[in-house]
Amino acid sequence: YADSMKGRFTISRDNAKNTVYLQMNSLKPEGTSVYYCKARYWNY
């Protein structure tokens, strides 16, 4: 995790459902953003 997210955000995945999650708690106004997921697959 990025330092500013440690303790508040949790990333997890369910490979059976082909899904990754981001649980975000104690959200702050500076958390206003577009959130993107990225797959690193065969170096792409």
ModelCIF file with pLDDT and N, C-alpha, C, O atoms, coordinates in Angstrom:
data_MODEL
#
_entry.id   MODEL 
#
_entity.id                         1 
_entity.type                       polymer 
_entity.pdbx_number_of_molecules   1 
#
_entity_poly.entity_id                      1 
_entity_poly.type                           'polypeptide(L)' 
_entity_poly.nstd_linkage                   no 
_entity_poly.nstd_monomer                   no 
_entity_poly.pdbx_seq_one_letter_code       YADSMKGRFTISRDNAKNTVYLQMNSLKPEGTSVYYCKARYWNY 
_entity_poly.pdbx_seq_one_letter_code_can   YADSMKGRFTISRDNAKNTVYLQMNSLKPEGTSVYYCKARYWNY 
_entity_poly.pdbx_strand_id                 A 
#
loop_
_entity_poly_seq.entity_id 
_entity_poly_seq.num 
_entity_poly_seq.mon_id 
_entity_poly_seq.hetero 
1 1  TYR n 
1 2  ALA n 
1 3  ASP n 
1 4  SER n 
1 5  MET n 
1 6  LYS n 
1 7  GLY n 
1 8  ARG n 
1 9  PHE n 
1 10 THR n 
1 11 ILE n 
1 12 SER n 
1 13 ARG n 
1 14 ASP n 
1 15 ASN n 
1 16 ALA n 
1 17 LYS n 
1 18 ASN n 
1 19 THR n 
1 20 VAL n 
1 21 TYR n 
1 22 LEU n 
1 23 GLN n 
1 24 MET n 
1 25 ASN n 
1 26 SER n 
1 27 LEU n 
1 28 LYS n 
1 29 PRO n 
1 30 GLU n 
1 31 GLY n 
1 32 THR n 
1 33 SER n 
1 34 VAL n 
1 35 TYR n 
1 36 TYR n 
1 37 CYS n 
1 38 LYS n 
1 39 ALA n 
1 40 ARG n 
1 41 TYR n 
1 42 TRP n 
1 43 ASN n 
1 44 TYR n 
#
_struct_asym.id          A 
_struct_asym.entity_id   1 
#
loop_
_ma_qa_metric.id 
_ma_qa_metric.mode 
_ma_qa_metric.name 
_ma_qa_metric.software_group_id 
_ma_qa_metric.type 
1 global pLDDT . pLDDT 
2 local  pLDDT . pLDDT 
#
_ma_qa_metric_global.metric_id      1 
_ma_qa_metric_global.metric_value   96.50 
_ma_qa_metric_global.model_id       1 
_ma_qa_metric_global.ordinal_id     1 
#
loop_
_ma_qa_metric_local.label_asym_id 
_ma_qa_metric_local.label_comp_id 
_ma_qa_metric_local.label_seq_id 
_ma_qa_metric_local.metric_id 
_ma_qa_metric_local.metric_value 
_ma_qa_metric_local.model_id 
_ma_qa_metric_local.ordinal_id 
A TYR 1  2 97.00 1 1  
A ALA 2  2 96.00 1 2  
A ASP 3  2 95.00 1 3  
A SER 4  2 91.00 1 4  
A MET 5  2 92.00 1 5  
A LYS 6  2 92.00 1 6  
A GLY 7  2 93.00 1 7  
A ARG 8  2 96.00 1 8  
A PHE 9  2 98.00 1 9  
A THR 10 2 98.00 1 10 
A ILE 11 2 98.00 1 11 
A SER 12 2 98.00 1 12 
A ARG 13 2 98.00 1 13 
A ASP 14 2 98.00 1 14 
A ASN 15 2 98.00 1 15 
A ALA 16 2 97.00 1 16 
A LYS 17 2 98.00 1 17 
A ASN 18 2 98.00 1 18 
A THR 19 2 98.00 1 19 
A VAL 20 2 98.00 1 20 
A TYR 21 2 98.00 1 21 
A LEU 22 2 98.00 1 22 
A GLN 23 2 98.00 1 23 
A MET 24 2 98.00 1 24 
A ASN 25 2 98.00 1 25 
A SER 26 2 97.00 1 26 
A LEU 27 2 97.00 1 27 
A LYS 28 2 95.00 1 28 
A PRO 29 2 95.00 1 29 
A GLU 30 2 93.00 1 30 
A GLY 31 2 95.00 1 31 
A THR 32 2 97.00 1 32 
A SER 33 2 98.00 1 33 
A VAL 34 2 98.00 1 34 
A TYR 35 2 98.00 1 35 
A TYR 36 2 98.00 1 36 
A CYS 37 2 98.00 1 37 
A LYS 38 2 98.00 1 38 
A ALA 39 2 98.00 1 39 
A ARG 40 2 97.00 1 40 
A TYR 41 2 94.00 1 41 
A TRP 42 2 94.00 1 42 
A ASN 43 2 93.00 1 43 
A TYR 44 2 96.00 1 44 
#
loop_
_atom_site.group_PDB 
_atom_site.id 
_atom_site.type_symbol 
_atom_site.label_atom_id 
_atom_site.label_alt_id 
_atom_site.label_comp_id 
_atom_site.label_asym_id 
_atom_site.label_entity_id 
_atom_site.label_seq_id 
_atom_site.pdbx_PDB_ins_code 
_atom_site.Cartn_x 
_atom_site.Cartn_y 
_atom_site.Cartn_z 
_atom_site.occupancy 
_atom_site.B_iso_or_equiv 
_atom_site.pdbx_formal_charge 
_atom_site.auth_seq_id 
_atom_site.auth_comp_id 
_atom_site.auth_asym_id 
_atom_site.auth_atom_id 
_atom_site.pdbx_PDB_model_num 
ATOM 1   N N  . TYR A 1 1  ? 0.827   -1.202  0.000   1.00 97.00 ? 1  TYR A N  1 
ATOM 2   C CA . TYR A 1 1  ? 0.000   0.000   0.000   1.00 97.00 ? 1  TYR A CA 1 
ATOM 3   C C  . TYR A 1 1  ? 0.862   1.253   0.000   1.00 97.00 ? 1  TYR A C  1 
ATOM 4   O O  . TYR A 1 1  ? 1.976   1.269   0.523   1.00 97.00 ? 1  TYR A O  1 
ATOM 5   N N  . ALA A 1 2  ? 0.314   2.302   -0.601  1.00 96.00 ? 2  ALA A N  1 
ATOM 6   C CA . ALA A 1 2  ? 0.927   3.609   -0.434  1.00 96.00 ? 2  ALA A CA 1 
ATOM 7   C C  . ALA A 1 2  ? 0.809   3.996   1.035   1.00 96.00 ? 2  ALA A C  1 
ATOM 8   O O  . ALA A 1 2  ? -0.161  3.645   1.706   1.00 96.00 ? 2  ALA A O  1 
ATOM 9   N N  . ASP A 1 3  ? 1.801   4.719   1.520   1.00 95.00 ? 3  ASP A N  1 
ATOM 10  C CA . ASP A 1 3  ? 1.837   5.037   2.950   1.00 95.00 ? 3  ASP A CA 1 
ATOM 11  C C  . ASP A 1 3  ? 0.569   5.715   3.434   1.00 95.00 ? 3  ASP A C  1 
ATOM 12  O O  . ASP A 1 3  ? 0.096   5.427   4.534   1.00 95.00 ? 3  ASP A O  1 
ATOM 13  N N  . SER A 1 4  ? 0.019   6.600   2.641   1.00 91.00 ? 4  SER A N  1 
ATOM 14  C CA . SER A 1 4  ? -1.141  7.367   3.087   1.00 91.00 ? 4  SER A CA 1 
ATOM 15  C C  . SER A 1 4  ? -2.413  6.527   3.151   1.00 91.00 ? 4  SER A C  1 
ATOM 16  O O  . SER A 1 4  ? -3.415  6.963   3.717   1.00 91.00 ? 4  SER A O  1 
ATOM 17  N N  . MET A 1 5  ? -2.380  5.322   2.573   1.00 92.00 ? 5  MET A N  1 
ATOM 18  C CA . MET A 1 5  ? -3.548  4.445   2.564   1.00 92.00 ? 5  MET A CA 1 
ATOM 19  C C  . MET A 1 5  ? -3.461  3.300   3.566   1.00 92.00 ? 5  MET A C  1 
ATOM 20  O O  . MET A 1 5  ? -4.452  2.620   3.829   1.00 92.00 ? 5  MET A O  1 
ATOM 21  N N  . LYS A 1 6  ? -2.268  3.091   4.123   1.00 92.00 ? 6  LYS A N  1 
ATOM 22  C CA . LYS A 1 6  ? -2.086  1.970   5.045   1.00 92.00 ? 6  LYS A CA 1 
ATOM 23  C C  . LYS A 1 6  ? -3.009  2.100   6.246   1.00 92.00 ? 6  LYS A C  1 
ATOM 24  O O  . LYS A 1 6  ? -3.137  3.174   6.835   1.00 92.00 ? 6  LYS A O  1 
ATOM 25  N N  . GLY A 1 7  ? -3.638  1.013   6.594   1.00 93.00 ? 7  GLY A N  1 
ATOM 26  C CA . GLY A 1 7  ? -4.523  0.992   7.746   1.00 93.00 ? 7  GLY A CA 1 
ATOM 27  C C  . GLY A 1 7  ? -5.952  1.410   7.442   1.00 93.00 ? 7  GLY A C  1 
ATOM 28  O O  . GLY A 1 7  ? -6.853  1.185   8.250   1.00 93.00 ? 7  GLY A O  1 
ATOM 29  N N  . ARG A 1 8  ? -6.165  2.026   6.265   1.00 96.00 ? 8  ARG A N  1 
ATOM 30  C CA . ARG A 1 8  ? -7.524  2.456   5.905   1.00 96.00 ? 8  ARG A CA 1 
ATOM 31  C C  . ARG A 1 8  ? -8.068  1.707   4.689   1.00 96.00 ? 8  ARG A C  1 
ATOM 32  O O  . ARG A 1 8  ? -9.273  1.481   4.585   1.00 96.00 ? 8  ARG A O  1 
ATOM 33  N N  . PHE A 1 9  ? -7.186  1.325   3.778   1.00 98.00 ? 9  PHE A N  1 
ATOM 34  C CA . PHE A 1 9  ? -7.596  0.633   2.544   1.00 98.00 ? 9  PHE A CA 1 
ATOM 35  C C  . PHE A 1 9  ? -7.138  -0.821  2.603   1.00 98.00 ? 9  PHE A C  1 
ATOM 36  O O  . PHE A 1 9  ? -6.099  -1.140  3.181   1.00 98.00 ? 9  PHE A O  1 
ATOM 37  N N  . THR A 1 10 ? -7.934  -1.690  1.994   1.00 98.00 ? 10 THR A N  1 
ATOM 38  C CA . THR A 1 10 ? -7.581  -3.107  1.896   1.00 98.00 ? 10 THR A CA 1 
ATOM 39  C C  . THR A 1 10 ? -7.841  -3.599  0.486   1.00 98.00 ? 10 THR A C  1 
ATOM 40  O O  . THR A 1 10 ? -8.954  -3.483  -0.029  1.00 98.00 ? 10 THR A O  1 
ATOM 41  N N  . ILE A 1 11 ? -6.802  -4.152  -0.140  1.00 98.00 ? 11 ILE A N  1 
ATOM 42  C CA . ILE A 1 11 ? -6.953  -4.756  -1.454  1.00 98.00 ? 11 ILE A CA 1 
ATOM 43  C C  . ILE A 1 11 ? -7.090  -6.263  -1.275  1.00 98.00 ? 11 ILE A C  1 
ATOM 44  O O  . ILE A 1 11 ? -6.415  -6.864  -0.439  1.00 98.00 ? 11 ILE A O  1 
ATOM 45  N N  . SER A 1 12 ? -7.965  -6.862  -2.062  1.00 98.00 ? 12 SER A N  1 
ATOM 46  C CA . SER A 1 12 ? -8.163  -8.313  -2.009  1.00 98.00 ? 12 SER A CA 1 
ATOM 47  C C  . SER A 1 12 ? -8.596  -8.785  -3.389  1.00 98.00 ? 12 SER A C  1 
ATOM 48  O O  . SER A 1 12 ? -8.913  -7.974  -4.259  1.00 98.00 ? 12 SER A O  1 
ATOM 49  N N  . ARG A 1 13 ? -8.609  -10.089 -3.583  1.00 98.00 ? 13 ARG A N  1 
ATOM 50  C CA . ARG A 1 13 ? -9.008  -10.628 -4.881  1.00 98.00 ? 13 ARG A CA 1 
ATOM 51  C C  . ARG A 1 13 ? -9.700  -11.961 -4.704  1.00 98.00 ? 13 ARG A C  1 
ATOM 52  O O  . ARG A 1 13 ? -9.479  -12.682 -3.731  1.00 98.00 ? 13 ARG A O  1 
ATOM 53  N N  . ASP A 1 14 ? -10.541 -12.266 -5.671  1.00 98.00 ? 14 ASP A N  1 
ATOM 54  C CA . ASP A 1 14 ? -11.208 -13.561 -5.730  1.00 98.00 ? 14 ASP A CA 1 
ATOM 55  C C  . ASP A 1 14 ? -10.954 -14.096 -7.131  1.00 98.00 ? 14 ASP A C  1 
ATOM 56  O O  . ASP A 1 14 ? -11.627 -13.700 -8.082  1.00 98.00 ? 14 ASP A O  1 
ATOM 57  N N  . ASN A 1 15 ? -9.995  -14.983 -7.259  1.00 98.00 ? 15 ASN A N  1 
ATOM 58  C CA . ASN A 1 15 ? -9.624  -15.488 -8.580  1.00 98.00 ? 15 ASN A CA 1 
ATOM 59  C C  . ASN A 1 15 ? -10.723 -16.345 -9.204  1.00 98.00 ? 15 ASN A C  1 
ATOM 60  O O  . ASN A 1 15 ? -10.788 -16.478 -10.426 1.00 98.00 ? 15 ASN A O  1 
ATOM 61  N N  . ALA A 1 16 ? -11.568 -16.914 -8.388  1.00 97.00 ? 16 ALA A N  1 
ATOM 62  C CA . ALA A 1 16 ? -12.691 -17.687 -8.923  1.00 97.00 ? 16 ALA A CA 1 
ATOM 63  C C  . ALA A 1 16 ? -13.716 -16.786 -9.607  1.00 97.00 ? 16 ALA A C  1 
ATOM 64  O O  . ALA A 1 16 ? -14.443 -17.216 -10.503 1.00 97.00 ? 16 ALA A O  1 
ATOM 65  N N  . LYS A 1 17 ? -13.759 -15.526 -9.166  1.00 98.00 ? 17 LYS A N  1 
ATOM 66  C CA . LYS A 1 17 ? -14.701 -14.555 -9.753  1.00 98.00 ? 17 LYS A CA 1 
ATOM 67  C C  . LYS A 1 17 ? -13.999 -13.563 -10.682 1.00 98.00 ? 17 LYS A C  1 
ATOM 68  O O  . LYS A 1 17 ? -14.636 -12.657 -11.218 1.00 98.00 ? 17 LYS A O  1 
ATOM 69  N N  . ASN A 1 18 ? -12.693 -13.732 -10.872 1.00 98.00 ? 18 ASN A N  1 
ATOM 70  C CA . ASN A 1 18 ? -11.924 -12.825 -11.734 1.00 98.00 ? 18 ASN A CA 1 
ATOM 71  C C  . ASN A 1 18 ? -12.108 -11.368 -11.313 1.00 98.00 ? 18 ASN A C  1 
ATOM 72  O O  . ASN A 1 18 ? -12.301 -10.486 -12.150 1.00 98.00 ? 18 ASN A O  1 
ATOM 73  N N  . THR A 1 19 ? -12.045 -11.137 -10.025 1.00 98.00 ? 19 THR A N  1 
ATOM 74  C CA . THR A 1 19 ? -12.346 -9.804  -9.504  1.00 98.00 ? 19 THR A CA 1 
ATOM 75  C C  . THR A 1 19 ? -11.340 -9.404  -8.425  1.00 98.00 ? 19 THR A C  1 
ATOM 76  O O  . THR A 1 19 ? -10.940 -10.215 -7.589  1.00 98.00 ? 19 THR A O  1 
ATOM 77  N N  . VAL A 1 20 ? -10.950 -8.148  -8.468  1.00 98.00 ? 20 VAL A N  1 
ATOM 78  C CA . VAL A 1 20 ? -10.129 -7.551  -7.417  1.00 98.00 ? 20 VAL A CA 1 
ATOM 79  C C  . VAL A 1 20 ? -10.953 -6.451  -6.761  1.00 98.00 ? 20 VAL A C  1 
ATOM 80  O O  . VAL A 1 20 ? -11.753 -5.777  -7.410  1.00 98.00 ? 20 VAL A O  1 
ATOM 81  N N  . TYR A 1 21 ? -10.740 -6.287  -5.467  1.00 98.00 ? 21 TYR A N  1 
ATOM 82  C CA . TYR A 1 21 ? -11.525 -5.336  -4.688  1.00 98.00 ? 21 TYR A CA 1 
ATOM 83  C C  . TYR A 1 21 ? -10.622 -4.323  -3.997  1.00 98.00 ? 21 TYR A C  1 
ATOM 84  O O  . TYR A 1 21 ? -9.440  -4.579  -3.765  1.00 98.00 ? 21 TYR A O  1 
ATOM 85  N N  . LEU A 1 22 ? -11.190 -3.182  -3.677  1.00 98.00 ? 22 LEU A N  1 
ATOM 86  C CA . LEU A 1 22 ? -10.516 -2.199  -2.846  1.00 98.00 ? 22 LEU A CA 1 
ATOM 87  C C  . LEU A 1 22 ? -11.531 -1.694  -1.819  1.00 98.00 ? 22 LEU A C  1 
ATOM 88  O O  . LEU A 1 22 ? -12.455 -0.951  -2.148  1.00 98.00 ? 22 LEU A O  1 
ATOM 89  N N  . GLN A 1 23 ? -11.337 -2.113  -0.578  1.00 98.00 ? 23 GLN A N  1 
ATOM 90  C CA . GLN A 1 23 ? -12.167 -1.629  0.516   1.00 98.00 ? 23 GLN A CA 1 
ATOM 91  C C  . GLN A 1 23 ? -11.531 -0.358  1.057   1.00 98.00 ? 23 GLN A C  1 
ATOM 92  O O  . GLN A 1 23 ? -10.374 -0.366  1.478   1.00 98.00 ? 23 GLN A O  1 
ATOM 93  N N  . MET A 1 24 ? -12.283 0.729   1.046   1.00 98.00 ? 24 MET A N  1 
ATOM 94  C CA . MET A 1 24 ? -11.768 2.019   1.483   1.00 98.00 ? 24 MET A CA 1 
ATOM 95  C C  . MET A 1 24 ? -12.572 2.491   2.684   1.00 98.00 ? 24 MET A C  1 
ATOM 96  O O  . MET A 1 24 ? -13.784 2.686   2.596   1.00 98.00 ? 24 MET A O  1 
ATOM 97  N N  . ASN A 1 25 ? -11.890 2.673   3.798   1.00 98.00 ? 25 ASN A N  1 
ATOM 98  C CA . ASN A 1 25 ? -12.518 3.148   5.025   1.00 98.00 ? 25 ASN A CA 1 
ATOM 99  C C  . ASN A 1 25 ? -11.923 4.501   5.420   1.00 98.00 ? 25 ASN A C  1 
ATOM 100 O O  . ASN A 1 25 ? -10.854 4.890   4.949   1.00 98.00 ? 25 ASN A O  1 
ATOM 101 N N  . SER A 1 26 ? -12.642 5.207   6.295   1.00 97.00 ? 26 SER A N  1 
ATOM 102 C CA . SER A 1 26 ? -12.171 6.503   6.800   1.00 97.00 ? 26 SER A CA 1 
ATOM 103 C C  . SER A 1 26 ? -11.744 7.412   5.659   1.00 97.00 ? 26 SER A C  1 
ATOM 104 O O  . SER A 1 26 ? -10.663 8.001   5.690   1.00 97.00 ? 26 SER A O  1 
ATOM 105 N N  . LEU A 1 27 ? -12.592 7.520   4.663   1.00 97.00 ? 27 LEU A N  1 
ATOM 106 C CA . LEU A 1 27 ? -12.245 8.300   3.482   1.00 97.00 ? 27 LEU A CA 1 
ATOM 107 C C  . LEU A 1 27 ? -12.126 9.782   3.812   1.00 97.00 ? 27 LEU A C  1 
ATOM 108 O O  . LEU A 1 27 ? -12.853 10.320  4.647   1.00 97.00 ? 27 LEU A O  1 
ATOM 109 N N  . LYS A 1 28 ? -11.183 10.421  3.127   1.00 95.00 ? 28 LYS A N  1 
ATOM 110 C CA . LYS A 1 28 ? -10.907 11.836  3.323   1.00 95.00 ? 28 LYS A CA 1 
ATOM 111 C C  . LYS A 1 28 ? -11.235 12.605  2.041   1.00 95.00 ? 28 LYS A C  1 
ATOM 112 O O  . LYS A 1 28 ? -11.248 12.012  0.962   1.00 95.00 ? 28 LYS A O  1 
ATOM 113 N N  . PRO A 1 29 ? -11.497 13.898  2.136   1.00 95.00 ? 29 PRO A N  1 
ATOM 114 C CA . PRO A 1 29 ? -11.806 14.672  0.921   1.00 95.00 ? 29 PRO A CA 1 
ATOM 115 C C  . PRO A 1 29 ? -10.711 14.586  -0.129  1.00 95.00 ? 29 PRO A C  1 
ATOM 116 O O  . PRO A 1 29 ? -10.998 14.640  -1.325  1.00 95.00 ? 29 PRO A O  1 
ATOM 117 N N  . GLU A 1 30 ? -9.461  14.454  0.300   1.00 93.00 ? 30 GLU A N  1 
ATOM 118 C CA . GLU A 1 30 ? -8.369  14.347  -0.669  1.00 93.00 ? 30 GLU A CA 1 
ATOM 119 C C  . GLU A 1 30 ? -8.368  13.010  -1.390  1.00 93.00 ? 30 GLU A C  1 
ATOM 120 O O  . GLU A 1 30 ? -7.572  12.796  -2.304  1.00 93.00 ? 30 GLU A O  1 
ATOM 121 N N  . GLY A 1 31 ? -9.233  12.130  -0.994  1.00 95.00 ? 31 GLY A N  1 
ATOM 122 C CA . GLY A 1 31 ? -9.404  10.864  -1.698  1.00 95.00 ? 31 GLY A CA 1 
ATOM 123 C C  . GLY A 1 31 ? -10.281 10.984  -2.924  1.00 95.00 ? 31 GLY A C  1 
ATOM 124 O O  . GLY A 1 31 ? -10.468 10.002  -3.643  1.00 95.00 ? 31 GLY A O  1 
ATOM 125 N N  . THR A 1 32 ? -10.820 12.149  -3.178  1.00 97.00 ? 32 THR A N  1 
ATOM 126 C CA . THR A 1 32 ? -11.622 12.378  -4.377  1.00 97.00 ? 32 THR A CA 1 
ATOM 127 C C  . THR A 1 32 ? -10.752 12.219  -5.615  1.00 97.00 ? 32 THR A C  1 
ATOM 128 O O  . THR A 1 32 ? -9.817  12.990  -5.834  1.00 97.00 ? 32 THR A O  1 
ATOM 129 N N  . SER A 1 33 ? -11.068 11.212  -6.421  1.00 98.00 ? 33 SER A N  1 
ATOM 130 C CA . SER A 1 33 ? -10.246 10.867  -7.575  1.00 98.00 ? 33 SER A CA 1 
ATOM 131 C C  . SER A 1 33 ? -11.022 9.922   -8.474  1.00 98.00 ? 33 SER A C  1 
ATOM 132 O O  . SER A 1 33 ? -12.081 9.414   -8.106  1.00 98.00 ? 33 SER A O  1 
ATOM 133 N N  . VAL A 1 34 ? -10.482 9.700   -9.643  1.00 98.00 ? 34 VAL A N  1 
ATOM 134 C CA . VAL A 1 34 ? -10.894 8.560   -10.450 1.00 98.00 ? 34 VAL A CA 1 
ATOM 135 C C  . VAL A 1 34 ? -9.984  7.403   -10.063 1.00 98.00 ? 34 VAL A C  1 
ATOM 136 O O  . VAL A 1 34 ? -8.760  7.535   -10.075 1.00 98.00 ? 34 VAL A O  1 
ATOM 137 N N  . TYR A 1 35 ? -10.587 6.271   -9.721  1.00 98.00 ? 35 TYR A N  1 
ATOM 138 C CA . TYR A 1 35 ? -9.841  5.097   -9.308  1.00 98.00 ? 35 TYR A CA 1 
ATOM 139 C C  . TYR A 1 35 ? -9.805  4.097   -10.465 1.00 98.00 ? 35 TYR A C  1 
ATOM 140 O O  . TYR A 1 35 ? -10.829 3.772   -11.066 1.00 98.00 ? 35 TYR A O  1 
ATOM 141 N N  . TYR A 1 36 ? -8.587  3.620   -10.755 1.00 98.00 ? 36 TYR A N  1 
ATOM 142 C CA . TYR A 1 36 ? -8.371  2.709   -11.872 1.00 98.00 ? 36 TYR A CA 1 
ATOM 143 C C  . TYR A 1 36 ? -7.790  1.397   -11.369 1.00 98.00 ? 36 TYR A C  1 
ATOM 144 O O  . TYR A 1 36 ? -6.998  1.387   -10.426 1.00 98.00 ? 36 TYR A O  1 
ATOM 145 N N  . CYS A 1 37 ? -8.175  0.300   -11.987 1.00 98.00 ? 37 CYS A N  1 
ATOM 146 C CA . CYS A 1 37 ? -7.457  -0.935  -11.706 1.00 98.00 ? 37 CYS A CA 1 
ATOM 147 C C  . CYS A 1 37 ? -6.542  -1.242  -12.884 1.00 98.00 ? 37 CYS A C  1 
ATOM 148 O O  . CYS A 1 37 ? -6.806  -0.861  -14.025 1.00 98.00 ? 37 CYS A O  1 
ATOM 149 N N  . LYS A 1 38 ? -5.473  -1.934  -12.572 1.00 98.00 ? 38 LYS A N  1 
ATOM 150 C CA . LYS A 1 38 ? -4.474  -2.294  -13.566 1.00 98.00 ? 38 LYS A CA 1 
ATOM 151 C C  . LYS A 1 38 ? -4.100  -3.754  -13.404 1.00 98.00 ? 38 LYS A C  1 
ATOM 152 O O  . LYS A 1 38 ? -3.925  -4.240  -12.287 1.00 98.00 ? 38 LYS A O  1 
ATOM 153 N N  . ALA A 1 39 ? -3.980  -4.445  -14.519 1.00 98.00 ? 39 ALA A N  1 
ATOM 154 C CA . ALA A 1 39 ? -3.495  -5.824  -14.542 1.00 98.00 ? 39 ALA A CA 1 
ATOM 155 C C  . ALA A 1 39 ? -2.104  -5.842  -15.146 1.00 98.00 ? 39 ALA A C  1 
ATOM 156 O O  . ALA A 1 39 ? -1.884  -5.296  -16.227 1.00 98.00 ? 39 ALA A O  1 
ATOM 157 N N  . ARG A 1 40 ? -1.183  -6.457  -14.464 1.00 97.00 ? 40 ARG A N  1 
ATOM 158 C CA . ARG A 1 40 ? 0.160   -6.679  -14.990 1.00 97.00 ? 40 ARG A CA 1 
ATOM 159 C C  . ARG A 1 40 ? 0.226   -8.124  -15.447 1.00 97.00 ? 40 ARG A C  1 
ATOM 160 O O  . ARG A 1 40 ? 0.312   -9.037  -14.626 1.00 97.00 ? 40 ARG A O  1 
ATOM 161 N N  . TYR A 1 41 ? 0.184   -8.332  -16.761 1.00 94.00 ? 41 TYR A N  1 
ATOM 162 C CA . TYR A 1 41 ? 0.045   -9.681  -17.310 1.00 94.00 ? 41 TYR A CA 1 
ATOM 163 C C  . TYR A 1 41 ? 1.072   -9.887  -18.391 1.00 94.00 ? 41 TYR A C  1 
ATOM 164 O O  . TYR A 1 41 ? 1.066   -9.185  -19.402 1.00 94.00 ? 41 TYR A O  1 
ATOM 165 N N  . TRP A 1 42 ? 1.978   -10.868 -18.184 1.00 94.00 ? 42 TRP A N  1 
ATOM 166 C CA . TRP A 1 42 ? 3.046   -11.129 -19.135 1.00 94.00 ? 42 TRP A CA 1 
ATOM 167 C C  . TRP A 1 42 ? 3.789   -9.837  -19.490 1.00 94.00 ? 42 TRP A C  1 
ATOM 168 O O  . TRP A 1 42 ? 4.061   -9.558  -20.658 1.00 94.00 ? 42 TRP A O  1 
ATOM 169 N N  . ASN A 1 43 ? 4.111   -9.053  -18.448 1.00 93.00 ? 43 ASN A N  1 
ATOM 170 C CA . ASN A 1 43 ? 4.897   -7.826  -18.573 1.00 93.00 ? 43 ASN A CA 1 
ATOM 171 C C  . ASN A 1 43 ? 4.222   -6.709  -19.350 1.00 93.00 ? 43 ASN A C  1 
ATOM 172 O O  . ASN A 1 43 ? 4.874   -5.741  -19.741 1.00 93.00 ? 43 ASN A O  1 
ATOM 173 N N  . TYR A 1 44 ? 2.923   -6.835  -19.575 1.00 96.00 ? 44 TYR A N  1 
ATOM 174 C CA . TYR A 1 44 ? 2.141   -5.748  -20.156 1.00 96.00 ? 44 TYR A CA 1 
ATOM 175 C C  . TYR A 1 44 ? 1.162   -5.235  -19.103 1.00 96.00 ? 44 TYR A C  1 
ATOM 176 O O  . TYR A 1 44 ? 0.394   -4.311  -19.371 1.00 96.00 ? 44 TYR A O  1 
#
